[in-house]
Full PDB file with SEQRES, HELIX, SHEET, SSBOND, CRYST1, ORIGX, SCALE, CONECT and MASTER records, all heavy atoms in Angstrom:
SEQRES   1 A   43  VAL SER ALA LEU ALA TYR ASP ASP TYR ILE GLY ARG LEU          
SEQRES   2 A   43  GLY ILE GLY ARG VAL TYR LYS GLY THR LEU LYS ALA ALA          
SEQRES   3 A   43  SER GLN VAL THR VAL ALA ASN ALA ASN GLY THR VAL LYS          
SEQRES   4 A   43  ASN GLY LYS THR                                              
SHEET    1 AA1 2 ALA A   3  ASP A   7  0                                        
SHEET    2 AA1 2 GLY A  11  ILE A  15 -1                                        
SHEET    1 AA2 2 GLN A  28  ALA A  32  0                                        
SHEET    2 AA2 2 VAL A  38  LYS A  42 -1                                        
CRYST1    1.000    1.000    1.000  90.00  90.00  90.00 P 1           1          
ORIGX1      1.000000  0.000000  0.000000        0.00000                         
ORIGX2      0.000000  1.000000  0.000000        0.00000                         
ORIGX3      0.000000  0.000000  1.000000        0.00000                         
SCALE1      1.000000  0.000000  0.000000        0.00000                         
SCALE2      0.000000  1.000000  0.000000        0.00000                         
SCALE3      0.000000  0.000000  1.000000        0.00000                         
ATOM      1  N   VAL A   1     -49.018  -2.410  38.740  1.00  0.00           N  
ATOM      2  CA  VAL A   1     -47.546  -2.577  38.209  1.00  0.00           C  
ATOM      3  C   VAL A   1     -47.380  -1.644  37.035  1.00  0.00           C  
ATOM      4  O   VAL A   1     -48.063  -1.536  36.059  1.00  0.00           O  
ATOM      5  CB  VAL A   1     -47.474  -4.012  37.782  1.00  0.00           C  
ATOM      6  CG1 VAL A   1     -46.087  -4.279  37.061  1.00  0.00           C  
ATOM      7  CG2 VAL A   1     -47.617  -4.983  38.796  1.00  0.00           C  
ATOM      8  N   SER A   2     -46.272  -0.819  37.196  1.00  0.00           N  
ATOM      9  CA  SER A   2     -45.921   0.088  36.126  1.00  0.00           C  
ATOM     10  C   SER A   2     -44.580  -0.165  35.504  1.00  0.00           C  
ATOM     11  O   SER A   2     -44.240   0.432  34.462  1.00  0.00           O  
ATOM     12  CB  SER A   2     -45.893   1.575  36.738  1.00  0.00           C  
ATOM     13  OG  SER A   2     -44.975   1.579  37.756  1.00  0.00           O  
ATOM     14  N   ALA A   3     -43.752  -1.041  35.987  1.00  0.00           N  
ATOM     15  CA  ALA A   3     -42.493  -1.483  35.399  1.00  0.00           C  
ATOM     16  C   ALA A   3     -42.194  -2.955  35.792  1.00  0.00           C  
ATOM     17  O   ALA A   3     -42.754  -3.447  36.724  1.00  0.00           O  
ATOM     18  CB  ALA A   3     -41.431  -0.509  35.846  1.00  0.00           C  
ATOM     19  N   LEU A   4     -41.312  -3.537  35.007  1.00  0.00           N  
ATOM     20  CA  LEU A   4     -40.968  -4.916  35.280  1.00  0.00           C  
ATOM     21  C   LEU A   4     -39.507  -5.007  35.451  1.00  0.00           C  
ATOM     22  O   LEU A   4     -38.620  -4.260  34.924  1.00  0.00           O  
ATOM     23  CB  LEU A   4     -41.377  -5.817  34.110  1.00  0.00           C  
ATOM     24  CG  LEU A   4     -42.840  -5.908  33.788  1.00  0.00           C  
ATOM     25  CD1 LEU A   4     -43.071  -6.593  32.517  1.00  0.00           C  
ATOM     26  CD2 LEU A   4     -43.614  -6.574  34.909  1.00  0.00           C  
ATOM     27  N   ALA A   5     -39.036  -5.986  36.227  1.00  0.00           N  
ATOM     28  CA  ALA A   5     -37.590  -6.363  36.353  1.00  0.00           C  
ATOM     29  C   ALA A   5     -37.502  -7.890  36.366  1.00  0.00           C  
ATOM     30  O   ALA A   5     -38.501  -8.613  36.384  1.00  0.00           O  
ATOM     31  CB  ALA A   5     -36.993  -5.795  37.600  1.00  0.00           C  
ATOM     32  N   TYR A   6     -36.215  -8.391  36.367  1.00  0.00           N  
ATOM     33  CA  TYR A   6     -35.987  -9.845  36.315  1.00  0.00           C  
ATOM     34  C   TYR A   6     -34.784 -10.093  37.301  1.00  0.00           C  
ATOM     35  O   TYR A   6     -33.823  -9.468  37.231  1.00  0.00           O  
ATOM     36  CB  TYR A   6     -35.758 -10.329  34.942  1.00  0.00           C  
ATOM     37  CG  TYR A   6     -35.857 -11.865  34.794  1.00  0.00           C  
ATOM     38  CD1 TYR A   6     -37.070 -12.464  34.760  1.00  0.00           C  
ATOM     39  CD2 TYR A   6     -34.673 -12.552  34.866  1.00  0.00           C  
ATOM     40  CE1 TYR A   6     -37.117 -13.971  34.574  1.00  0.00           C  
ATOM     41  CE2 TYR A   6     -34.765 -13.988  34.755  1.00  0.00           C  
ATOM     42  CZ  TYR A   6     -35.894 -14.726  34.705  1.00  0.00           C  
ATOM     43  OH  TYR A   6     -35.964 -15.980  34.625  1.00  0.00           O  
ATOM     44  N   ASP A   7     -34.993 -11.149  38.017  1.00  0.00           N  
ATOM     45  CA  ASP A   7     -33.963 -11.623  38.841  1.00  0.00           C  
ATOM     46  C   ASP A   7     -33.727 -13.047  38.600  1.00  0.00           C  
ATOM     47  O   ASP A   7     -34.655 -13.872  38.537  1.00  0.00           O  
ATOM     48  CB  ASP A   7     -34.307 -11.390  40.398  1.00  0.00           C  
ATOM     49  CG  ASP A   7     -33.140 -11.779  41.376  1.00  0.00           C  
ATOM     50  OD1 ASP A   7     -32.885 -12.946  41.437  1.00  0.00           O  
ATOM     51  OD2 ASP A   7     -32.748 -10.862  41.948  1.00  0.00           O  
ATOM     52  N   ASP A   8     -32.432 -13.469  38.437  1.00  0.00           N  
ATOM     53  CA  ASP A   8     -32.193 -14.886  38.020  1.00  0.00           C  
ATOM     54  C   ASP A   8     -32.537 -15.854  39.144  1.00  0.00           C  
ATOM     55  O   ASP A   8     -32.780 -17.079  38.831  1.00  0.00           O  
ATOM     56  CB  ASP A   8     -30.680 -15.065  37.788  1.00  0.00           C  
ATOM     57  CG  ASP A   8     -30.312 -14.366  36.453  1.00  0.00           C  
ATOM     58  OD1 ASP A   8     -31.129 -14.279  35.589  1.00  0.00           O  
ATOM     59  OD2 ASP A   8     -29.083 -13.973  36.297  1.00  0.00           O  
ATOM     60  N   TYR A   9     -32.675 -15.422  40.336  1.00  0.00           N  
ATOM     61  CA  TYR A   9     -32.985 -16.283  41.422  1.00  0.00           C  
ATOM     62  C   TYR A   9     -34.551 -16.306  41.805  1.00  0.00           C  
ATOM     63  O   TYR A   9     -35.033 -17.424  42.129  1.00  0.00           O  
ATOM     64  CB  TYR A   9     -32.239 -15.874  42.736  1.00  0.00           C  
ATOM     65  CG  TYR A   9     -30.761 -16.057  42.470  1.00  0.00           C  
ATOM     66  CD1 TYR A   9     -29.904 -14.928  42.260  1.00  0.00           C  
ATOM     67  CD2 TYR A   9     -30.122 -17.274  42.558  1.00  0.00           C  
ATOM     68  CE1 TYR A   9     -28.563 -14.981  42.043  1.00  0.00           C  
ATOM     69  CE2 TYR A   9     -28.737 -17.354  42.374  1.00  0.00           C  
ATOM     70  CZ  TYR A   9     -28.010 -16.294  42.151  1.00  0.00           C  
ATOM     71  OH  TYR A   9     -26.676 -16.480  41.890  1.00  0.00           O  
ATOM     72  N   ILE A  10     -35.188 -15.172  41.759  1.00  0.00           N  
ATOM     73  CA  ILE A  10     -36.605 -15.162  42.096  1.00  0.00           C  
ATOM     74  C   ILE A  10     -37.524 -14.817  40.934  1.00  0.00           C  
ATOM     75  O   ILE A  10     -38.736 -14.717  41.141  1.00  0.00           O  
ATOM     76  CB  ILE A  10     -36.859 -14.135  43.253  1.00  0.00           C  
ATOM     77  CG1 ILE A  10     -36.326 -12.726  43.014  1.00  0.00           C  
ATOM     78  CG2 ILE A  10     -36.254 -14.644  44.508  1.00  0.00           C  
ATOM     79  CD1 ILE A  10     -36.556 -11.719  44.062  1.00  0.00           C  
ATOM     80  N   GLY A  11     -36.979 -14.729  39.809  1.00  0.00           N  
ATOM     81  CA  GLY A  11     -37.827 -14.669  38.467  1.00  0.00           C  
ATOM     82  C   GLY A  11     -38.262 -13.150  38.254  1.00  0.00           C  
ATOM     83  O   GLY A  11     -37.663 -12.247  38.638  1.00  0.00           O  
ATOM     84  N   ARG A  12     -39.509 -13.135  37.593  1.00  0.00           N  
ATOM     85  CA  ARG A  12     -40.018 -11.898  37.137  1.00  0.00           C  
ATOM     86  C   ARG A  12     -40.510 -11.103  38.408  1.00  0.00           C  
ATOM     87  O   ARG A  12     -41.222 -11.563  39.224  1.00  0.00           O  
ATOM     88  CB  ARG A  12     -41.222 -12.083  36.199  1.00  0.00           C  
ATOM     89  CG  ARG A  12     -41.693 -10.958  35.392  1.00  0.00           C  
ATOM     90  CD  ARG A  12     -42.610 -11.347  34.245  1.00  0.00           C  
ATOM     91  NE  ARG A  12     -42.784 -10.271  33.388  1.00  0.00           N  
ATOM     92  CZ  ARG A  12     -43.444 -10.493  32.242  1.00  0.00           C  
ATOM     93  NH1 ARG A  12     -43.932 -11.598  31.905  1.00  0.00           N  
ATOM     94  NH2 ARG A  12     -43.639  -9.419  31.377  1.00  0.00           N  
ATOM     95  N   LEU A  13     -40.235  -9.761  38.331  1.00  0.00           N  
ATOM     96  CA  LEU A  13     -40.588  -8.832  39.394  1.00  0.00           C  
ATOM     97  C   LEU A  13     -41.525  -7.796  38.880  1.00  0.00           C  
ATOM     98  O   LEU A  13     -41.324  -7.215  37.804  1.00  0.00           O  
ATOM     99  CB  LEU A  13     -39.407  -8.211  40.022  1.00  0.00           C  
ATOM    100  CG  LEU A  13     -38.362  -9.206  40.634  1.00  0.00           C  
ATOM    101  CD1 LEU A  13     -37.163  -8.518  40.844  1.00  0.00           C  
ATOM    102  CD2 LEU A  13     -38.835  -9.864  41.835  1.00  0.00           C  
ATOM    103  N   GLY A  14     -42.519  -7.386  39.615  1.00  0.00           N  
ATOM    104  CA  GLY A  14     -43.421  -6.281  39.220  1.00  0.00           C  
ATOM    105  C   GLY A  14     -43.064  -5.097  40.156  1.00  0.00           C  
ATOM    106  O   GLY A  14     -42.966  -5.204  41.380  1.00  0.00           O  
ATOM    107  N   ILE A  15     -42.903  -3.896  39.559  1.00  0.00           N  
ATOM    108  CA  ILE A  15     -42.596  -2.674  40.279  1.00  0.00           C  
ATOM    109  C   ILE A  15     -43.855  -1.683  40.126  1.00  0.00           C  
ATOM    110  O   ILE A  15     -44.381  -1.501  38.968  1.00  0.00           O  
ATOM    111  CB  ILE A  15     -41.355  -2.098  39.758  1.00  0.00           C  
ATOM    112  CG1 ILE A  15     -40.178  -3.031  39.904  1.00  0.00           C  
ATOM    113  CG2 ILE A  15     -41.034  -0.791  40.636  1.00  0.00           C  
ATOM    114  CD1 ILE A  15     -38.965  -2.554  39.155  1.00  0.00           C  
ATOM    115  N   GLY A  16     -44.336  -1.135  41.227  1.00  0.00           N  
ATOM    116  CA  GLY A  16     -45.387  -0.191  41.081  1.00  0.00           C  
ATOM    117  C   GLY A  16     -45.797   0.412  42.438  1.00  0.00           C  
ATOM    118  O   GLY A  16     -45.036   0.217  43.436  1.00  0.00           O  
ATOM    119  N   ARG A  17     -46.795   1.176  42.458  1.00  0.00           N  
ATOM    120  CA  ARG A  17     -47.244   1.855  43.668  1.00  0.00           C  
ATOM    121  C   ARG A  17     -48.400   1.211  44.342  1.00  0.00           C  
ATOM    122  O   ARG A  17     -49.315   0.720  43.592  1.00  0.00           O  
ATOM    123  CB  ARG A  17     -47.607   3.301  43.324  1.00  0.00           C  
ATOM    124  CG  ARG A  17     -47.795   4.256  44.548  1.00  0.00           C  
ATOM    125  CD  ARG A  17     -48.008   5.551  44.217  1.00  0.00           C  
ATOM    126  NE  ARG A  17     -47.584   6.484  45.346  1.00  0.00           N  
ATOM    127  CZ  ARG A  17     -47.590   7.748  45.268  1.00  0.00           C  
ATOM    128  NH1 ARG A  17     -47.922   8.419  44.253  1.00  0.00           N  
ATOM    129  NH2 ARG A  17     -47.312   8.472  46.391  1.00  0.00           N  
ATOM    130  N   VAL A  18     -48.456   1.224  45.698  1.00  0.00           N  
ATOM    131  CA  VAL A  18     -49.638   0.753  46.430  1.00  0.00           C  
ATOM    132  C   VAL A  18     -50.459   2.004  46.512  1.00  0.00           C  
ATOM    133  O   VAL A  18     -50.152   2.953  47.230  1.00  0.00           O  
ATOM    134  CB  VAL A  18     -49.233   0.155  47.803  1.00  0.00           C  
ATOM    135  CG1 VAL A  18     -50.513  -0.309  48.576  1.00  0.00           C  
ATOM    136  CG2 VAL A  18     -48.215  -1.020  47.635  1.00  0.00           C  
ATOM    137  N   TYR A  19     -51.681   1.944  45.900  1.00  0.00           N  
ATOM    138  CA  TYR A  19     -52.542   3.171  45.847  1.00  0.00           C  
ATOM    139  C   TYR A  19     -53.516   3.093  47.019  1.00  0.00           C  
ATOM    140  O   TYR A  19     -53.881   4.238  47.620  1.00  0.00           O  
ATOM    141  CB  TYR A  19     -53.319   3.241  44.559  1.00  0.00           C  
ATOM    142  CG  TYR A  19     -52.484   3.597  43.376  1.00  0.00           C  
ATOM    143  CD1 TYR A  19     -51.796   2.634  42.685  1.00  0.00           C  
ATOM    144  CD2 TYR A  19     -52.224   4.952  43.113  1.00  0.00           C  
ATOM    145  CE1 TYR A  19     -50.965   3.007  41.609  1.00  0.00           C  
ATOM    146  CE2 TYR A  19     -51.434   5.295  41.969  1.00  0.00           C  
ATOM    147  CZ  TYR A  19     -50.815   4.346  41.276  1.00  0.00           C  
ATOM    148  OH  TYR A  19     -50.039   4.686  40.283  1.00  0.00           O  
ATOM    149  N   LYS A  20     -53.955   1.961  47.482  1.00  0.00           N  
ATOM    150  CA  LYS A  20     -54.854   1.857  48.601  1.00  0.00           C  
ATOM    151  C   LYS A  20     -54.481   0.645  49.429  1.00  0.00           C  
ATOM    152  O   LYS A  20     -53.900  -0.338  48.980  1.00  0.00           O  
ATOM    153  CB  LYS A  20     -56.317   1.640  48.128  1.00  0.00           C  
ATOM    154  CG  LYS A  20     -56.935   2.857  47.361  1.00  0.00           C  
ATOM    155  CD  LYS A  20     -58.334   2.533  46.963  1.00  0.00           C  
ATOM    156  CE  LYS A  20     -58.943   3.592  46.176  1.00  0.00           C  
ATOM    157  NZ  LYS A  20     -60.274   3.223  45.728  1.00  0.00           N  
ATOM    158  N   GLY A  21     -54.830   0.609  50.756  1.00  0.00           N  
ATOM    159  CA  GLY A  21     -54.723  -0.472  51.659  1.00  0.00           C  
ATOM    160  C   GLY A  21     -53.254  -0.733  51.930  1.00  0.00           C  
ATOM    161  O   GLY A  21     -52.323   0.091  51.818  1.00  0.00           O  
ATOM    162  N   THR A  22     -52.937  -2.030  52.282  1.00  0.00           N  
ATOM    163  CA  THR A  22     -51.657  -2.441  52.568  1.00  0.00           C  
ATOM    164  C   THR A  22     -51.401  -3.781  51.780  1.00  0.00           C  
ATOM    165  O   THR A  22     -52.248  -4.599  51.686  1.00  0.00           O  
ATOM    166  CB  THR A  22     -51.369  -2.738  54.005  1.00  0.00           C  
ATOM    167  OG1 THR A  22     -52.235  -3.636  54.529  1.00  0.00           O  
ATOM    168  CG2 THR A  22     -51.471  -1.420  54.799  1.00  0.00           C  
ATOM    169  N   LEU A  23     -50.105  -4.005  51.441  1.00  0.00           N  
ATOM    170  CA  LEU A  23     -49.691  -5.225  50.643  1.00  0.00           C  
ATOM    171  C   LEU A  23     -48.882  -6.062  51.588  1.00  0.00           C  
ATOM    172  O   LEU A  23     -47.903  -5.622  52.219  1.00  0.00           O  
ATOM    173  CB  LEU A  23     -48.902  -4.810  49.397  1.00  0.00           C  
ATOM    174  CG  LEU A  23     -48.367  -5.972  48.560  1.00  0.00           C  
ATOM    175  CD1 LEU A  23     -49.489  -6.732  47.875  1.00  0.00           C  
ATOM    176  CD2 LEU A  23     -47.441  -5.424  47.438  1.00  0.00           C  
ATOM    177  N   LYS A  24     -49.205  -7.308  51.658  1.00  0.00           N  
ATOM    178  CA  LYS A  24     -48.525  -8.223  52.636  1.00  0.00           C  
ATOM    179  C   LYS A  24     -47.800  -9.305  51.789  1.00  0.00           C  
ATOM    180  O   LYS A  24     -48.138  -9.716  50.685  1.00  0.00           O  
ATOM    181  CB  LYS A  24     -49.515  -8.907  53.463  1.00  0.00           C  
ATOM    182  CG  LYS A  24     -50.275  -7.856  54.467  1.00  0.00           C  
ATOM    183  CD  LYS A  24     -51.193  -8.639  55.429  1.00  0.00           C  
ATOM    184  CE  LYS A  24     -51.871  -7.520  56.204  1.00  0.00           C  
ATOM    185  NZ  LYS A  24     -52.903  -8.092  57.224  1.00  0.00           N  
ATOM    186  N   ALA A  25     -46.622  -9.722  52.357  1.00  0.00           N  
ATOM    187  CA  ALA A  25     -45.871 -10.750  51.779  1.00  0.00           C  
ATOM    188  C   ALA A  25     -46.562 -12.061  51.898  1.00  0.00           C  
ATOM    189  O   ALA A  25     -47.375 -12.348  52.818  1.00  0.00           O  
ATOM    190  CB  ALA A  25     -44.466 -10.831  52.464  1.00  0.00           C  
ATOM    191  N   ALA A  26     -46.322 -12.983  50.986  1.00  0.00           N  
ATOM    192  CA  ALA A  26     -46.917 -14.392  50.977  1.00  0.00           C  
ATOM    193  C   ALA A  26     -48.373 -14.327  51.212  1.00  0.00           C  
ATOM    194  O   ALA A  26     -48.958 -15.037  52.075  1.00  0.00           O  
ATOM    195  CB  ALA A  26     -46.162 -15.140  52.084  1.00  0.00           C  
ATOM    196  N   SER A  27     -49.178 -13.510  50.434  1.00  0.00           N  
ATOM    197  CA  SER A  27     -50.511 -13.387  50.613  1.00  0.00           C  
ATOM    198  C   SER A  27     -51.244 -13.692  49.199  1.00  0.00           C  
ATOM    199  O   SER A  27     -50.648 -13.402  48.157  1.00  0.00           O  
ATOM    200  CB  SER A  27     -50.929 -11.970  51.123  1.00  0.00           C  
ATOM    201  OG  SER A  27     -50.501 -11.044  50.158  1.00  0.00           O  
ATOM    202  N   GLN A  28     -52.420 -14.175  49.340  1.00  0.00           N  
ATOM    203  CA  GLN A  28     -53.209 -14.437  48.141  1.00  0.00           C  
ATOM    204  C   GLN A  28     -53.867 -13.148  47.613  1.00  0.00           C  
ATOM    205  O   GLN A  28     -54.321 -12.381  48.402  1.00  0.00           O  
ATOM    206  CB  GLN A  28     -54.323 -15.524  48.430  1.00  0.00           C  
ATOM    207  CG  GLN A  28     -53.868 -16.808  48.828  1.00  0.00           C  
ATOM    208  CD  GLN A  28     -53.326 -17.609  47.713  1.00  0.00           C  
ATOM    209  OE1 GLN A  28     -53.637 -17.390  46.518  1.00  0.00           O  
ATOM    210  NE2 GLN A  28     -52.451 -18.658  47.906  1.00  0.00           N  
ATOM    211  N   VAL A  29     -53.800 -12.853  46.319  1.00  0.00           N  
ATOM    212  CA  VAL A  29     -54.297 -11.772  45.696  1.00  0.00           C  
ATOM    213  C   VAL A  29     -55.061 -12.039  44.428  1.00  0.00           C  
ATOM    214  O   VAL A  29     -54.813 -13.167  43.818  1.00  0.00           O  
ATOM    215  CB  VAL A  29     -53.235 -10.722  45.415  1.00  0.00           C  
ATOM    216  CG1 VAL A  29     -52.568 -10.063  46.632  1.00  0.00           C  
ATOM    217  CG2 VAL A  29     -52.206 -11.282  44.495  1.00  0.00           C  
ATOM    218  N   THR A  30     -55.949 -11.178  44.003  1.00  0.00           N  
ATOM    219  CA  THR A  30     -56.574 -11.318  42.673  1.00  0.00           C  
ATOM    220  C   THR A  30     -55.835 -10.261  41.765  1.00  0.00           C  
ATOM    221  O   THR A  30     -55.601  -9.116  42.194  1.00  0.00           O  
ATOM    222  CB  THR A  30     -58.049 -10.882  42.787  1.00  0.00           C  
ATOM    223  OG1 THR A  30     -58.745 -11.926  43.348  1.00  0.00           O  
ATOM    224  CG2 THR A  30     -58.568 -10.807  41.309  1.00  0.00           C  
ATOM    225  N   VAL A  31     -55.389 -10.769  40.663  1.00  0.00           N  
ATOM    226  CA  VAL A  31     -54.612  -9.825  39.629  1.00  0.00           C  
ATOM    227  C   VAL A  31     -55.624  -9.547  38.493  1.00  0.00           C  
ATOM    228  O   VAL A  31     -56.104 -10.466  37.830  1.00  0.00           O  
ATOM    229  CB  VAL A  31     -53.402 -10.614  38.999  1.00  0.00           C  
ATOM    230  CG1 VAL A  31     -52.596  -9.713  38.105  1.00  0.00           C  
ATOM    231  CG2 VAL A  31     -52.474 -10.943  40.148  1.00  0.00           C  
ATOM    232  N   ALA A  32     -55.900  -8.311  38.345  1.00  0.00           N  
ATOM    233  CA  ALA A  32     -56.928  -7.823  37.311  1.00  0.00           C  
ATOM    234  C   ALA A  32     -56.305  -6.790  36.403  1.00  0.00           C  
ATOM    235  O   ALA A  32     -55.390  -6.024  36.876  1.00  0.00           O  
ATOM    236  CB  ALA A  32     -58.192  -7.347  37.978  1.00  0.00           C  
ATOM    237  N   ASN A  33     -56.763  -6.687  35.232  1.00  0.00           N  
ATOM    238  CA  ASN A  33     -56.381  -5.550  34.344  1.00  0.00           C  
ATOM    239  C   ASN A  33     -57.613  -4.944  33.734  1.00  0.00           C  
ATOM    240  O   ASN A  33     -58.699  -5.463  33.823  1.00  0.00           O  
ATOM    241  CB  ASN A  33     -55.379  -5.938  33.327  1.00  0.00           C  
ATOM    242  CG  ASN A  33     -55.871  -7.018  32.340  1.00  0.00           C  
ATOM    243  OD1 ASN A  33     -56.966  -7.002  31.938  1.00  0.00           O  
ATOM    244  ND2 ASN A  33     -54.944  -7.851  32.012  1.00  0.00           N  
ATOM    245  N   ALA A  34     -57.382  -3.773  33.053  1.00  0.00           N  
ATOM    246  CA  ALA A  34     -58.508  -2.957  32.475  1.00  0.00           C  
ATOM    247  C   ALA A  34     -59.223  -3.763  31.382  1.00  0.00           C  
ATOM    248  O   ALA A  34     -60.299  -3.362  31.001  1.00  0.00           O  
ATOM    249  CB  ALA A  34     -58.029  -1.647  32.009  1.00  0.00           C  
ATOM    250  N   ASN A  35     -58.553  -4.745  30.784  1.00  0.00           N  
ATOM    251  CA  ASN A  35     -59.145  -5.514  29.666  1.00  0.00           C  
ATOM    252  C   ASN A  35     -60.225  -6.591  30.107  1.00  0.00           C  
ATOM    253  O   ASN A  35     -60.796  -7.187  29.424  1.00  0.00           O  
ATOM    254  CB  ASN A  35     -58.099  -6.204  28.843  1.00  0.00           C  
ATOM    255  CG  ASN A  35     -57.136  -5.260  28.218  1.00  0.00           C  
ATOM    256  OD1 ASN A  35     -57.472  -4.113  27.837  1.00  0.00           O  
ATOM    257  ND2 ASN A  35     -55.836  -5.564  28.118  1.00  0.00           N  
ATOM    258  N   GLY A  36     -60.394  -6.729  31.445  1.00  0.00           N  
ATOM    259  CA  GLY A  36     -61.298  -7.697  32.007  1.00  0.00           C  
ATOM    260  C   GLY A  36     -60.737  -8.924  32.403  1.00  0.00           C  
ATOM    261  O   GLY A  36     -61.434  -9.848  32.861  1.00  0.00           O  
ATOM    262  N   THR A  37     -59.395  -9.124  32.210  1.00  0.00           N  
ATOM    263  CA  THR A  37     -58.840 -10.394  32.607  1.00  0.00           C  
ATOM    264  C   THR A  37     -58.615 -10.412  34.097  1.00  0.00           C  
ATOM    265  O   THR A  37     -58.106  -9.518  34.769  1.00  0.00           O  
ATOM    266  CB  THR A  37     -57.408 -10.459  31.932  1.00  0.00           C  
ATOM    267  OG1 THR A  37     -57.528 -10.403  30.501  1.00  0.00           O  
ATOM    268  CG2 THR A  37     -56.686 -11.843  32.294  1.00  0.00           C  
ATOM    269  N   VAL A  38     -59.051 -11.431  34.743  1.00  0.00           N  
ATOM    270  CA  VAL A  38     -58.835 -11.713  36.177  1.00  0.00           C  
ATOM    271  C   VAL A  38     -58.300 -13.081  36.546  1.00  0.00           C  
ATOM    272  O   VAL A  38     -58.756 -14.023  35.977  1.00  0.00           O  
ATOM    273  CB  VAL A  38     -60.274 -11.541  36.935  1.00  0.00           C  
ATOM    274  CG1 VAL A  38     -60.222 -11.757  38.414  1.00  0.00           C  
ATOM    275  CG2 VAL A  38     -60.883 -10.216  36.665  1.00  0.00           C  
ATOM    276  N   LYS A  39     -57.365 -13.092  37.418  1.00  0.00           N  
ATOM    277  CA  LYS A  39     -56.663 -14.364  37.797  1.00  0.00           C  
ATOM    278  C   LYS A  39     -56.268 -14.236  39.247  1.00  0.00           C  
ATOM    279  O   LYS A  39     -56.052 -13.156  39.722  1.00  0.00           O  
ATOM    280  CB  LYS A  39     -55.566 -14.712  36.915  1.00  0.00           C  
ATOM    281  CG  LYS A  39     -54.445 -13.785  36.837  1.00  0.00           C  
ATOM    282  CD  LYS A  39     -53.549 -13.889  35.683  1.00  0.00           C  
ATOM    283  CE  LYS A  39     -52.490 -12.733  35.664  1.00  0.00           C  
ATOM    284  NZ  LYS A  39     -51.977 -12.540  34.471  1.00  0.00           N  
ATOM    285  N   ASN A  40     -56.058 -15.339  39.894  1.00  0.00           N  
ATOM    286  CA  ASN A  40     -55.566 -15.319  41.283  1.00  0.00           C  
ATOM    287  C   ASN A  40     -54.044 -15.720  41.333  1.00  0.00           C  
ATOM    288  O   ASN A  40     -53.562 -16.398  40.479  1.00  0.00           O  
ATOM    289  CB  ASN A  40     -56.358 -16.259  42.178  1.00  0.00           C  
ATOM    290  CG  ASN A  40     -57.809 -15.846  42.415  1.00  0.00           C  
ATOM    291  OD1 ASN A  40     -58.083 -14.680  42.293  1.00  0.00           O  
ATOM    292  ND2 ASN A  40     -58.660 -16.753  42.709  1.00  0.00           N  
ATOM    293  N   GLY A  41     -53.400 -15.167  42.271  1.00  0.00           N  
ATOM    294  CA  GLY A  41     -51.975 -15.409  42.425  1.00  0.00           C  
ATOM    295  C   GLY A  41     -51.561 -15.183  43.892  1.00  0.00           C  
ATOM    296  O   GLY A  41     -52.382 -14.902  44.735  1.00  0.00           O  
ATOM    297  N   LYS A  42     -50.286 -15.461  44.107  1.00  0.00           N  
ATOM    298  CA  LYS A  42     -49.772 -15.216  45.498  1.00  0.00           C  
ATOM    299  C   LYS A  42     -48.420 -14.551  45.422  1.00  0.00           C  
ATOM    300  O   LYS A  42     -47.533 -14.923  44.708  1.00  0.00           O  
ATOM    301  CB  LYS A  42     -49.548 -16.654  46.134  1.00  0.00           C  
ATOM    302  CG  LYS A  42     -49.054 -16.585  47.593  1.00  0.00           C  
ATOM    303  CD  LYS A  42     -48.859 -18.019  48.137  1.00  0.00           C  
ATOM    304  CE  LYS A  42     -48.347 -17.860  49.585  1.00  0.00           C  
ATOM    305  NZ  LYS A  42     -48.005 -19.137  50.180  1.00  0.00           N  
ATOM    306  N   THR A  43     -48.385 -13.388  46.243  1.00  0.00           N  
ATOM    307  CA  THR A  43     -47.150 -12.755  46.307  1.00  0.00           C  
ATOM    308  C   THR A  43     -46.167 -13.607  47.184  1.00  0.00           C  
ATOM    309  O   THR A  43     -46.491 -14.328  48.055  1.00  0.00           O  
ATOM    310  CB  THR A  43     -47.316 -11.433  47.069  1.00  0.00           C  
ATOM    311  OG1 THR A  43     -47.695 -11.596  48.336  1.00  0.00           O  
ATOM    312  CG2 THR A  43     -48.268 -10.513  46.366  1.00  0.00           C  
TER     313      THR A  43                                                      
MASTER        0    0    0    0    4    0    0    6  312    1    0    4          
END                                                                             
């Protein structure tokens, strides 16, 4: 994620580039950052 947006209906939006693989709608993912924080979420 390199930028953020907000929609009154669907909430916070993440904008960025898919560097590897493919991203699927309504899929479980792990969200990680360089500081070592890891959590699970669902697109």
